[in-house]
N, C-alpha and C. Protein backbone atom coordinates (compact mmCIF):
# COMPACT_ATOMS: atom_id res chain seq x y z
N MET A 1 96.72 68.91 119.25
CA MET A 1 97.31 68.67 120.55
C MET A 1 98.07 69.92 120.98
N ALA A 2 97.85 70.33 122.20
CA ALA A 2 98.51 71.52 122.73
C ALA A 2 100.00 71.24 122.97
N LYS A 3 100.80 72.24 122.72
CA LYS A 3 102.23 72.12 122.97
C LYS A 3 102.51 72.41 124.44
N ARG A 4 103.51 71.75 124.93
CA ARG A 4 103.96 72.04 126.28
C ARG A 4 104.72 73.37 126.26
N PRO A 5 104.63 74.14 127.32
CA PRO A 5 105.36 75.41 127.35
C PRO A 5 106.86 75.23 127.10
N SER A 6 107.41 74.11 127.54
CA SER A 6 108.85 73.88 127.34
C SER A 6 109.20 73.71 125.86
N GLN A 7 108.23 73.34 125.01
CA GLN A 7 108.47 73.16 123.58
C GLN A 7 108.36 74.47 122.80
N MET A 8 107.71 75.46 123.38
CA MET A 8 107.44 76.69 122.67
C MET A 8 108.69 77.43 122.19
N PRO A 9 109.74 77.57 123.00
CA PRO A 9 110.92 78.28 122.50
C PRO A 9 111.52 77.63 121.25
N ASP A 10 111.60 76.31 121.21
CA ASP A 10 112.13 75.64 120.04
C ASP A 10 111.24 75.87 118.82
N ASP A 11 109.92 75.80 119.03
CA ASP A 11 108.99 76.04 117.93
C ASP A 11 109.10 77.47 117.43
N LEU A 12 109.24 78.43 118.34
CA LEU A 12 109.37 79.82 117.96
C LEU A 12 110.68 80.05 117.19
N ASP A 13 111.77 79.46 117.65
CA ASP A 13 113.04 79.58 116.93
C ASP A 13 112.92 79.03 115.51
N LYS A 14 112.32 77.87 115.35
CA LYS A 14 112.15 77.28 114.02
C LYS A 14 111.30 78.17 113.12
N PHE A 15 110.23 78.68 113.68
CA PHE A 15 109.34 79.57 112.93
C PHE A 15 110.09 80.81 112.46
N LEU A 16 110.78 81.49 113.37
CA LEU A 16 111.49 82.71 113.01
C LEU A 16 112.62 82.45 112.02
N ASN A 17 113.32 81.34 112.19
CA ASN A 17 114.37 80.98 111.23
C ASN A 17 113.80 80.80 109.84
N LYS A 18 112.64 80.15 109.73
CA LYS A 18 111.99 79.95 108.43
C LYS A 18 111.57 81.28 107.82
N VAL A 19 111.03 82.17 108.63
CA VAL A 19 110.59 83.48 108.13
C VAL A 19 111.78 84.26 107.59
N VAL A 20 112.86 84.33 108.35
CA VAL A 20 114.04 85.09 107.92
C VAL A 20 114.65 84.47 106.67
N ALA A 21 114.83 83.15 106.66
CA ALA A 21 115.43 82.49 105.49
C ALA A 21 114.58 82.71 104.25
N SER A 22 113.29 82.51 104.35
CA SER A 22 112.41 82.67 103.20
C SER A 22 112.41 84.11 102.69
N THR A 23 112.44 85.07 103.61
CA THR A 23 112.47 86.48 103.22
C THR A 23 113.74 86.81 102.45
N ILE A 24 114.88 86.39 102.96
CA ILE A 24 116.16 86.68 102.29
C ILE A 24 116.22 86.01 100.92
N ILE A 25 115.85 84.74 100.87
CA ILE A 25 115.91 83.99 99.61
C ILE A 25 114.98 84.60 98.57
N THR A 26 113.77 84.95 98.97
CA THR A 26 112.81 85.52 98.03
C THR A 26 113.24 86.90 97.56
N MET A 27 113.72 87.72 98.47
CA MET A 27 114.19 89.04 98.06
C MET A 27 115.35 88.94 97.07
N GLN A 28 116.31 88.06 97.35
CA GLN A 28 117.43 87.88 96.43
C GLN A 28 116.95 87.38 95.08
N SER A 29 116.04 86.44 95.10
CA SER A 29 115.50 85.89 93.87
C SER A 29 114.79 86.96 93.04
N GLU A 30 113.94 87.74 93.67
CA GLU A 30 113.21 88.76 92.93
C GLU A 30 114.12 89.88 92.44
N LEU A 31 115.06 90.30 93.28
CA LEU A 31 116.00 91.34 92.84
C LEU A 31 116.90 90.83 91.71
N GLY A 32 117.11 89.54 91.66
CA GLY A 32 117.92 88.96 90.59
C GLY A 32 117.15 88.66 89.32
N SER A 33 115.87 88.98 89.31
CA SER A 33 115.06 88.70 88.12
C SER A 33 115.05 89.89 87.16
N LYS A 34 114.88 89.60 85.90
CA LYS A 34 114.76 90.66 84.90
C LYS A 34 113.48 91.46 85.10
N LYS A 35 112.52 90.87 85.75
CA LYS A 35 111.25 91.54 86.00
C LYS A 35 111.43 92.71 86.98
N VAL A 36 112.36 92.58 87.92
CA VAL A 36 112.55 93.62 88.94
C VAL A 36 113.76 94.49 88.64
N SER A 37 114.94 93.90 88.54
CA SER A 37 116.16 94.69 88.36
C SER A 37 116.31 95.15 86.91
N PRO A 38 116.77 96.38 86.74
CA PRO A 38 117.07 96.84 85.39
C PRO A 38 118.06 95.89 84.74
N TYR A 39 117.94 95.73 83.45
CA TYR A 39 118.75 94.73 82.76
C TYR A 39 119.42 95.33 81.53
N ASP A 40 120.73 95.16 81.48
CA ASP A 40 121.48 95.50 80.28
C ASP A 40 122.36 94.29 79.96
N THR A 41 123.40 94.08 80.76
CA THR A 41 124.28 92.93 80.53
C THR A 41 123.97 91.77 81.48
N GLY A 42 123.27 92.04 82.57
CA GLY A 42 122.97 91.01 83.55
C GLY A 42 123.86 91.06 84.78
N ARG A 43 124.90 91.87 84.75
CA ARG A 43 125.82 91.92 85.88
C ARG A 43 125.15 92.46 87.15
N LEU A 44 124.31 93.47 87.02
CA LEU A 44 123.64 94.03 88.18
C LEU A 44 122.75 92.98 88.83
N ARG A 45 121.94 92.29 88.05
CA ARG A 45 121.04 91.31 88.64
C ARG A 45 121.78 90.09 89.19
N SER A 46 122.99 89.85 88.72
CA SER A 46 123.81 88.74 89.22
C SER A 46 124.59 89.11 90.47
N SER A 47 124.55 90.39 90.86
CA SER A 47 125.39 90.87 91.95
C SER A 47 124.65 91.11 93.26
N TRP A 48 123.47 90.54 93.43
CA TRP A 48 122.79 90.62 94.73
C TRP A 48 123.32 89.47 95.59
N PHE A 49 124.13 89.81 96.59
CA PHE A 49 124.77 88.81 97.45
C PHE A 49 124.21 88.86 98.86
N ALA A 50 123.96 87.70 99.42
CA ALA A 50 123.49 87.57 100.79
C ALA A 50 124.66 87.17 101.68
N ALA A 51 124.69 87.72 102.89
CA ALA A 51 125.78 87.39 103.81
C ALA A 51 125.30 87.53 105.24
N GLU A 52 125.92 86.78 106.11
CA GLU A 52 125.63 86.86 107.54
C GLU A 52 126.72 87.69 108.21
N GLY A 53 126.32 88.53 109.15
CA GLY A 53 127.28 89.28 109.95
C GLY A 53 127.65 90.62 109.36
N SER A 54 128.34 90.61 108.25
CA SER A 54 128.73 91.86 107.60
C SER A 54 128.40 91.76 106.11
N PRO A 55 128.19 92.90 105.47
CA PRO A 55 127.82 92.88 104.06
C PRO A 55 128.90 92.23 103.19
N SER A 56 128.46 91.52 102.19
CA SER A 56 129.38 90.93 101.22
C SER A 56 130.03 92.05 100.41
N GLN A 57 131.26 91.84 100.04
CA GLN A 57 131.96 92.80 99.17
C GLN A 57 132.01 92.28 97.74
N SER A 58 131.36 91.15 97.48
CA SER A 58 131.42 90.49 96.17
C SER A 58 130.68 91.27 95.09
N VAL A 59 131.17 91.08 93.88
CA VAL A 59 130.55 91.62 92.68
C VAL A 59 130.64 90.53 91.62
N ALA A 60 129.55 90.32 90.91
CA ALA A 60 129.59 89.33 89.82
C ALA A 60 130.58 89.79 88.75
N PRO A 61 131.26 88.86 88.12
CA PRO A 61 132.22 89.24 87.08
C PRO A 61 131.51 89.79 85.84
N GLU A 62 132.25 90.54 85.05
CA GLU A 62 131.72 91.01 83.77
C GLU A 62 131.22 89.80 82.99
N GLY A 63 130.10 89.95 82.35
CA GLY A 63 129.54 88.86 81.56
C GLY A 63 128.62 87.94 82.33
N ALA A 64 128.54 88.12 83.66
CA ALA A 64 127.63 87.30 84.46
C ALA A 64 126.20 87.61 84.05
N ASP A 65 125.39 86.58 83.89
CA ASP A 65 124.01 86.82 83.45
C ASP A 65 123.02 85.87 84.09
N SER A 66 123.36 85.37 85.27
CA SER A 66 122.37 84.53 85.96
C SER A 66 122.28 85.01 87.40
N PRO A 67 121.08 84.99 87.94
CA PRO A 67 120.90 85.49 89.30
C PRO A 67 121.72 84.71 90.32
N ASN A 68 122.21 85.41 91.31
CA ASN A 68 122.95 84.79 92.39
C ASN A 68 121.96 84.11 93.32
N THR A 69 122.33 82.95 93.84
CA THR A 69 121.44 82.20 94.73
C THR A 69 122.15 81.82 96.04
N ASP A 70 123.16 82.57 96.43
CA ASP A 70 123.91 82.20 97.63
C ASP A 70 123.06 82.24 98.91
N ALA A 71 121.94 82.95 98.90
CA ALA A 71 121.07 83.00 100.08
C ALA A 71 120.54 81.63 100.45
N THR A 72 120.38 80.76 99.47
CA THR A 72 119.86 79.43 99.77
C THR A 72 120.83 78.60 100.61
N GLY A 73 122.09 78.97 100.65
CA GLY A 73 123.08 78.23 101.42
C GLY A 73 123.30 78.75 102.83
N LEU A 74 122.64 79.84 103.19
CA LEU A 74 122.81 80.39 104.54
C LEU A 74 122.19 79.47 105.59
N GLN A 75 122.88 79.30 106.69
CA GLN A 75 122.34 78.58 107.84
C GLN A 75 121.75 79.65 108.76
N VAL A 76 120.49 79.97 108.53
CA VAL A 76 119.87 81.12 109.18
C VAL A 76 119.55 80.88 110.65
N ASP A 77 119.91 81.85 111.44
CA ASP A 77 119.53 81.92 112.85
C ASP A 77 118.97 83.33 113.03
N TRP A 78 117.70 83.44 113.33
CA TRP A 78 117.03 84.73 113.37
C TRP A 78 117.70 85.74 114.30
N ARG A 79 118.54 85.27 115.23
CA ARG A 79 119.22 86.17 116.17
C ARG A 79 120.40 86.89 115.52
N ARG A 80 120.81 86.43 114.37
CA ARG A 80 121.97 87.02 113.69
C ARG A 80 121.54 88.07 112.68
N GLN A 81 122.49 88.84 112.22
CA GLN A 81 122.22 89.90 111.25
C GLN A 81 122.58 89.43 109.85
N TYR A 82 121.71 89.73 108.88
CA TYR A 82 121.92 89.34 107.49
C TYR A 82 121.86 90.57 106.59
N HIS A 83 122.63 90.50 105.52
CA HIS A 83 122.70 91.62 104.57
C HIS A 83 122.45 91.09 103.16
N LEU A 84 121.76 91.89 102.38
CA LEU A 84 121.58 91.62 100.96
C LEU A 84 122.11 92.85 100.25
N THR A 85 123.24 92.70 99.57
CA THR A 85 123.92 93.86 99.00
C THR A 85 124.22 93.67 97.52
N ASN A 86 124.47 94.79 96.88
CA ASN A 86 124.88 94.80 95.49
C ASN A 86 126.00 95.81 95.38
N ASN A 87 127.17 95.39 94.92
CA ASN A 87 128.35 96.25 94.91
C ASN A 87 128.84 96.62 93.51
N VAL A 88 128.00 96.47 92.49
CA VAL A 88 128.46 96.94 91.18
C VAL A 88 128.71 98.44 91.32
N PRO A 89 129.71 98.97 90.63
CA PRO A 89 130.08 100.38 90.81
C PRO A 89 128.94 101.36 90.51
N TYR A 90 127.98 100.95 89.74
CA TYR A 90 126.90 101.86 89.32
C TYR A 90 125.58 101.61 90.04
N ILE A 91 125.58 100.83 91.13
CA ILE A 91 124.32 100.48 91.80
C ILE A 91 123.60 101.72 92.34
N GLU A 92 124.32 102.67 92.91
CA GLU A 92 123.64 103.86 93.43
C GLU A 92 122.98 104.67 92.32
N ALA A 93 123.67 104.80 91.20
CA ALA A 93 123.09 105.54 90.08
C ALA A 93 121.82 104.88 89.57
N VAL A 94 121.82 103.55 89.55
CA VAL A 94 120.67 102.81 89.03
C VAL A 94 119.56 102.70 90.07
N ALA A 95 119.89 102.34 91.31
CA ALA A 95 118.86 102.08 92.33
C ALA A 95 118.36 103.35 93.02
N ILE A 96 119.25 104.28 93.29
CA ILE A 96 118.87 105.47 94.06
C ILE A 96 118.59 106.66 93.15
N GLU A 97 119.45 106.89 92.18
CA GLU A 97 119.30 108.05 91.31
C GLU A 97 118.36 107.79 90.13
N GLY A 98 117.98 106.53 89.92
CA GLY A 98 117.02 106.20 88.87
C GLY A 98 117.55 106.33 87.45
N LYS A 99 118.85 106.19 87.28
CA LYS A 99 119.45 106.28 85.94
C LYS A 99 119.34 104.93 85.24
N VAL A 100 118.14 104.65 84.73
CA VAL A 100 117.86 103.37 84.08
C VAL A 100 116.86 103.61 82.97
N VAL A 101 116.92 102.73 81.97
CA VAL A 101 115.96 102.84 80.87
C VAL A 101 115.05 101.62 80.78
N SER A 102 115.46 100.48 81.34
CA SER A 102 114.68 99.26 81.18
C SER A 102 113.62 99.06 82.27
N GLN A 103 113.60 99.93 83.27
CA GLN A 103 112.62 99.87 84.36
C GLN A 103 112.23 101.31 84.70
N PRO A 104 111.12 101.49 85.42
CA PRO A 104 110.80 102.84 85.90
C PRO A 104 111.93 103.35 86.80
N THR A 105 112.13 104.64 86.85
CA THR A 105 113.22 105.22 87.65
C THR A 105 113.05 104.93 89.14
N THR A 106 111.85 104.60 89.55
CA THR A 106 111.57 104.33 90.97
C THR A 106 111.55 102.83 91.28
N TRP A 107 112.13 102.01 90.42
CA TRP A 107 112.03 100.55 90.56
C TRP A 107 112.47 100.05 91.93
N PHE A 108 113.56 100.60 92.46
CA PHE A 108 114.09 100.09 93.72
C PHE A 108 113.22 100.50 94.91
N THR A 109 112.86 101.76 95.00
CA THR A 109 111.98 102.18 96.10
C THR A 109 110.61 101.53 95.98
N ASP A 110 110.14 101.31 94.77
CA ASP A 110 108.88 100.59 94.58
C ASP A 110 108.99 99.17 95.13
N PHE A 111 110.12 98.52 94.85
CA PHE A 111 110.35 97.17 95.35
C PHE A 111 110.36 97.16 96.88
N ILE A 112 111.12 98.08 97.47
CA ILE A 112 111.23 98.14 98.93
C ILE A 112 109.87 98.43 99.57
N ASN A 113 109.15 99.40 99.03
CA ASN A 113 107.89 99.83 99.64
C ASN A 113 106.72 98.91 99.34
N SER A 114 106.72 98.26 98.19
CA SER A 114 105.57 97.46 97.79
C SER A 114 105.80 95.96 97.95
N ARG A 115 106.90 95.47 97.41
CA ARG A 115 107.13 94.02 97.41
C ARG A 115 107.64 93.48 98.74
N VAL A 116 108.53 94.18 99.40
CA VAL A 116 109.14 93.65 100.62
C VAL A 116 108.08 93.32 101.68
N PRO A 117 107.13 94.20 101.98
CA PRO A 117 106.10 93.81 102.96
C PRO A 117 105.32 92.56 102.53
N LYS A 118 105.06 92.41 101.24
CA LYS A 118 104.34 91.23 100.75
C LYS A 118 105.20 89.98 100.86
N ILE A 119 106.49 90.13 100.62
CA ILE A 119 107.41 88.99 100.77
C ILE A 119 107.44 88.53 102.23
N ILE A 120 107.51 89.49 103.15
CA ILE A 120 107.53 89.13 104.57
C ILE A 120 106.22 88.46 104.97
N ASP A 121 105.10 88.99 104.53
CA ASP A 121 103.80 88.38 104.83
C ASP A 121 103.73 86.94 104.31
N ALA A 122 104.19 86.75 103.08
CA ALA A 122 104.16 85.40 102.50
C ALA A 122 105.10 84.46 103.26
N SER A 123 106.23 84.97 103.72
CA SER A 123 107.16 84.15 104.49
C SER A 123 106.56 83.73 105.81
N VAL A 124 105.84 84.63 106.46
CA VAL A 124 105.18 84.30 107.72
C VAL A 124 104.12 83.23 107.50
N LYS A 125 103.31 83.41 106.46
CA LYS A 125 102.26 82.43 106.16
C LYS A 125 102.86 81.07 105.85
N ALA A 126 103.92 81.05 105.05
CA ALA A 126 104.55 79.77 104.69
C ALA A 126 105.16 79.08 105.92
N ALA A 127 105.73 79.86 106.83
CA ALA A 127 106.35 79.28 108.03
C ALA A 127 105.30 78.69 108.98
N ASN A 128 104.07 79.15 108.85
CA ASN A 128 102.99 78.61 109.69
C ASN A 128 102.55 77.23 109.24
N ASN A 129 102.89 76.85 108.04
CA ASN A 129 102.45 75.54 107.50
C ASN A 129 103.41 74.43 107.86
């Protein structure tokens, strides 16, 4: 059944909200996995925080060893700005400078260049269902 033009904006809003939410949640989940983020104590992988409006300043406490899942609690509106950040003091050395032993030195740029487009594509496909 064809949608009425008056229904299209609501459908588009729902679709875009699903795409943005799924993208943020999946990126946080993957960055919080041992498969993607370098792993020593688990603090780095536990410190990927999602926030609306401005970047989170949070850092997982010493000894944290489980991925953060705060992205699942966001009330996403595609018109707003969202941030996925990691504030451990050594994040730049690990993600940008490649000072890691448990992953390739290019792990972060590989994630951004290879996985992120696939995550977005999968989010779009899932939102269509």
